[in-house]
Amino acid sequence: MINLKGFYNINVLQKMLYEGQITQLDYVMHHTEEDKKAFLDFCQERKIEVDNDAAQQFLEKTIKDIERAHINLLD
């Protein structure tokens, strides 16, 4: 695994995640400061540990939110 510091472009993170170089937690924590804060708030609100399982839940929720927004734009 790569030890990440700071924030990275989404394309770079996606490639590293796909290649197994980082975890979903790494992805969420190193995308943007805004996403990192949203993820930490997500965990705190649900009283869940900040871990890879929580990162997966957060990413699934984010994808569903984006899909919903796209559908609403089509209506």
N, C-alpha and C. Protein backbone atom coordinates (compact mmCIF):
# COMPACT_ATOMS: atom_id res chain seq x y z
N MET A 1 0.83 -1.18 0.00
CA MET A 1 0.00 0.00 0.00
C MET A 1 0.88 1.25 0.00
N ILE A 2 0.36 2.26 -0.67
CA ILE A 2 1.06 3.54 -0.75
C ILE A 2 0.65 4.40 0.45
N ASN A 3 1.61 5.10 1.03
CA ASN A 3 1.34 6.02 2.13
C ASN A 3 1.07 7.40 1.54
N LEU A 4 -0.19 7.80 1.53
CA LEU A 4 -0.59 9.07 0.92
C LEU A 4 -0.46 10.22 1.90
N LYS A 5 -0.14 11.39 1.37
CA LYS A 5 -0.11 12.63 2.15
C LYS A 5 -0.78 13.71 1.31
N GLY A 6 -1.64 14.48 1.92
CA GLY A 6 -2.32 15.55 1.20
C GLY A 6 -3.48 15.04 0.36
N PHE A 7 -3.79 15.79 -0.70
CA PHE A 7 -4.94 15.47 -1.54
C PHE A 7 -4.50 15.25 -2.98
N TYR A 8 -5.27 14.43 -3.69
CA TYR A 8 -4.90 14.01 -5.03
C TYR A 8 -6.07 14.18 -6.00
N ASN A 9 -5.74 14.27 -7.26
CA ASN A 9 -6.72 14.31 -8.33
C ASN A 9 -7.54 13.03 -8.32
N ILE A 10 -8.82 13.15 -8.62
CA ILE A 10 -9.72 11.99 -8.58
C ILE A 10 -9.26 10.88 -9.52
N ASN A 11 -8.73 11.24 -10.70
CA ASN A 11 -8.29 10.23 -11.65
C ASN A 11 -7.11 9.43 -11.11
N VAL A 12 -6.21 10.10 -10.42
CA VAL A 12 -5.05 9.43 -9.82
C VAL A 12 -5.53 8.47 -8.73
N LEU A 13 -6.44 8.93 -7.89
CA LEU A 13 -6.96 8.09 -6.81
C LEU A 13 -7.72 6.88 -7.37
N GLN A 14 -8.53 7.11 -8.39
CA GLN A 14 -9.28 6.00 -8.98
C GLN A 14 -8.34 4.94 -9.54
N LYS A 15 -7.30 5.37 -10.20
CA LYS A 15 -6.33 4.43 -10.76
C LYS A 15 -5.65 3.64 -9.63
N MET A 16 -5.21 4.33 -8.58
CA MET A 16 -4.55 3.64 -7.46
C MET A 16 -5.50 2.67 -6.77
N LEU A 17 -6.77 3.06 -6.63
CA LEU A 17 -7.76 2.19 -6.00
C LEU A 17 -7.99 0.96 -6.87
N TYR A 18 -8.16 1.16 -8.17
CA TYR A 18 -8.39 0.06 -9.11
C TYR A 18 -7.22 -0.92 -9.10
N GLU A 19 -6.01 -0.38 -9.00
CA GLU A 19 -4.81 -1.22 -9.01
C GLU A 19 -4.48 -1.82 -7.65
N GLY A 20 -5.30 -1.53 -6.63
CA GLY A 20 -5.10 -2.10 -5.31
C GLY A 20 -3.98 -1.45 -4.51
N GLN A 21 -3.58 -0.27 -4.93
CA GLN A 21 -2.49 0.42 -4.23
C GLN A 21 -2.97 1.19 -3.01
N ILE A 22 -4.27 1.51 -2.98
CA ILE A 22 -4.86 2.22 -1.84
C ILE A 22 -6.19 1.56 -1.48
N THR A 23 -6.69 1.88 -0.31
CA THR A 23 -7.99 1.39 0.14
C THR A 23 -9.06 2.44 -0.14
N GLN A 24 -10.30 2.06 0.05
CA GLN A 24 -11.39 3.02 -0.09
C GLN A 24 -11.26 4.14 0.95
N LEU A 25 -10.77 3.80 2.12
CA LEU A 25 -10.54 4.82 3.14
C LEU A 25 -9.51 5.83 2.67
N ASP A 26 -8.42 5.36 2.08
CA ASP A 26 -7.42 6.26 1.51
C ASP A 26 -8.05 7.18 0.47
N TYR A 27 -8.86 6.60 -0.39
CA TYR A 27 -9.53 7.35 -1.45
C TYR A 27 -10.33 8.51 -0.88
N VAL A 28 -11.16 8.22 0.11
CA VAL A 28 -12.04 9.23 0.70
C VAL A 28 -11.22 10.29 1.46
N MET A 29 -10.23 9.86 2.18
CA MET A 29 -9.46 10.78 3.02
C MET A 29 -8.50 11.66 2.23
N HIS A 30 -8.24 11.33 0.97
CA HIS A 30 -7.24 12.07 0.20
C HIS A 30 -7.77 12.65 -1.11
N HIS A 31 -9.10 12.70 -1.25
CA HIS A 31 -9.66 13.29 -2.47
C HIS A 31 -9.70 14.82 -2.36
N THR A 32 -10.51 15.34 -1.45
CA THR A 32 -10.55 16.78 -1.20
C THR A 32 -10.79 16.99 0.30
N GLU A 33 -10.46 18.17 0.77
CA GLU A 33 -10.72 18.51 2.17
C GLU A 33 -12.22 18.44 2.44
N GLU A 34 -13.02 18.89 1.49
CA GLU A 34 -14.48 18.88 1.63
C GLU A 34 -15.01 17.46 1.76
N ASP A 35 -14.55 16.55 0.90
CA ASP A 35 -14.99 15.16 0.97
C ASP A 35 -14.53 14.49 2.26
N LYS A 36 -13.32 14.80 2.68
CA LYS A 36 -12.80 14.24 3.93
C LYS A 36 -13.70 14.67 5.09
N LYS A 37 -14.05 15.96 5.15
CA LYS A 37 -14.91 16.45 6.22
C LYS A 37 -16.30 15.81 6.13
N ALA A 38 -16.84 15.70 4.92
CA ALA A 38 -18.16 15.08 4.75
C ALA A 38 -18.14 13.63 5.23
N PHE A 39 -17.05 12.92 4.94
CA PHE A 39 -16.92 11.53 5.38
C PHE A 39 -16.83 11.44 6.90
N LEU A 40 -16.02 12.29 7.50
CA LEU A 40 -15.89 12.27 8.97
C LEU A 40 -17.21 12.63 9.63
N ASP A 41 -17.95 13.59 9.06
CA ASP A 41 -19.28 13.94 9.58
C ASP A 41 -20.24 12.75 9.42
N PHE A 42 -20.17 12.08 8.27
CA PHE A 42 -20.98 10.89 7.99
C PHE A 42 -20.77 9.84 9.09
N CYS A 43 -19.51 9.59 9.43
CA CYS A 43 -19.18 8.59 10.46
C CYS A 43 -19.67 9.03 11.83
N GLN A 44 -19.46 10.30 12.14
CA GLN A 44 -19.87 10.82 13.45
C GLN A 44 -21.38 10.77 13.61
N GLU A 45 -22.12 11.17 12.58
CA GLU A 45 -23.59 11.16 12.64
C GLU A 45 -24.13 9.75 12.85
N ARG A 46 -23.47 8.76 12.27
CA ARG A 46 -23.92 7.38 12.36
C ARG A 46 -23.27 6.61 13.51
N LYS A 47 -22.36 7.29 14.20
CA LYS A 47 -21.62 6.69 15.31
C LYS A 47 -20.93 5.39 14.87
N ILE A 48 -20.23 5.49 13.73
CA ILE A 48 -19.49 4.35 13.21
C ILE A 48 -18.00 4.68 13.16
N GLU A 49 -17.19 3.65 13.18
CA GLU A 49 -15.74 3.81 13.13
C GLU A 49 -15.32 4.39 11.78
N VAL A 50 -14.27 5.17 11.79
CA VAL A 50 -13.66 5.68 10.56
C VAL A 50 -12.76 4.56 10.04
N ASP A 51 -13.30 3.76 9.13
CA ASP A 51 -12.53 2.63 8.60
C ASP A 51 -12.95 2.36 7.16
N ASN A 52 -12.39 1.32 6.59
CA ASN A 52 -12.66 1.01 5.19
C ASN A 52 -14.13 0.68 4.93
N ASP A 53 -14.78 0.00 5.87
CA ASP A 53 -16.21 -0.32 5.72
C ASP A 53 -17.04 0.96 5.66
N ALA A 54 -16.72 1.91 6.53
CA ALA A 54 -17.43 3.18 6.54
C ALA A 54 -17.17 3.95 5.24
N ALA A 55 -15.95 3.89 4.75
CA ALA A 55 -15.61 4.56 3.48
C ALA A 55 -16.43 3.96 2.35
N GLN A 56 -16.60 2.65 2.34
CA GLN A 56 -17.41 2.00 1.31
C GLN A 56 -18.86 2.47 1.40
N GLN A 57 -19.40 2.53 2.61
CA GLN A 57 -20.77 3.02 2.80
C GLN A 57 -20.92 4.46 2.32
N PHE A 58 -19.93 5.29 2.64
CA PHE A 58 -19.94 6.69 2.23
C PHE A 58 -19.91 6.81 0.71
N LEU A 59 -19.04 6.05 0.07
CA LEU A 59 -18.94 6.10 -1.39
C LEU A 59 -20.23 5.62 -2.05
N GLU A 60 -20.84 4.56 -1.50
CA GLU A 60 -22.11 4.07 -2.05
C GLU A 60 -23.20 5.14 -1.92
N LYS A 61 -23.25 5.82 -0.78
CA LYS A 61 -24.22 6.89 -0.57
C LYS A 61 -23.96 8.04 -1.54
N THR A 62 -22.71 8.40 -1.72
CA THR A 62 -22.35 9.49 -2.62
C THR A 62 -22.77 9.17 -4.05
N ILE A 63 -22.53 7.94 -4.48
CA ILE A 63 -22.92 7.52 -5.83
C ILE A 63 -24.44 7.60 -5.99
N LYS A 64 -25.18 7.14 -5.00
CA LYS A 64 -26.64 7.20 -5.07
C LYS A 64 -27.12 8.65 -5.12
N ASP A 65 -26.49 9.53 -4.34
CA ASP A 65 -26.85 10.95 -4.35
C ASP A 65 -26.60 11.57 -5.72
N ILE A 66 -25.50 11.22 -6.35
CA ILE A 66 -25.18 11.74 -7.68
C ILE A 66 -26.18 11.22 -8.70
N GLU A 67 -26.50 9.94 -8.62
CA GLU A 67 -27.48 9.36 -9.55
C GLU A 67 -28.84 10.04 -9.40
N ARG A 68 -29.25 10.29 -8.14
CA ARG A 68 -30.52 10.96 -7.89
C ARG A 68 -30.51 12.37 -8.49
N ALA A 69 -29.42 13.08 -8.32
CA ALA A 69 -29.30 14.43 -8.86
C ALA A 69 -29.39 14.43 -10.37
N HIS A 70 -28.78 13.45 -11.01
CA HIS A 70 -28.84 13.35 -12.47
C HIS A 70 -30.25 13.05 -12.95
N ILE A 71 -30.93 12.17 -12.25
CA ILE A 71 -32.31 11.83 -12.61
C ILE A 71 -33.20 13.06 -12.47
N ASN A 72 -33.00 13.82 -11.39
CA ASN A 72 -33.79 15.03 -11.19
C ASN A 72 -33.56 16.05 -12.29
N LEU A 73 -32.35 16.10 -12.82
CA LEU A 73 -32.06 17.02 -13.92
C LEU A 73 -32.78 16.62 -15.20
N LEU A 74 -33.02 15.32 -15.36
CA LEU A 74 -33.69 14.82 -16.56
C LEU A 74 -35.20 15.03 -16.50
N ASP A 75 -35.73 15.16 -15.29
CA ASP A 75 -37.19 15.34 -15.13
C ASP A 75 -37.64 16.72 -15.52
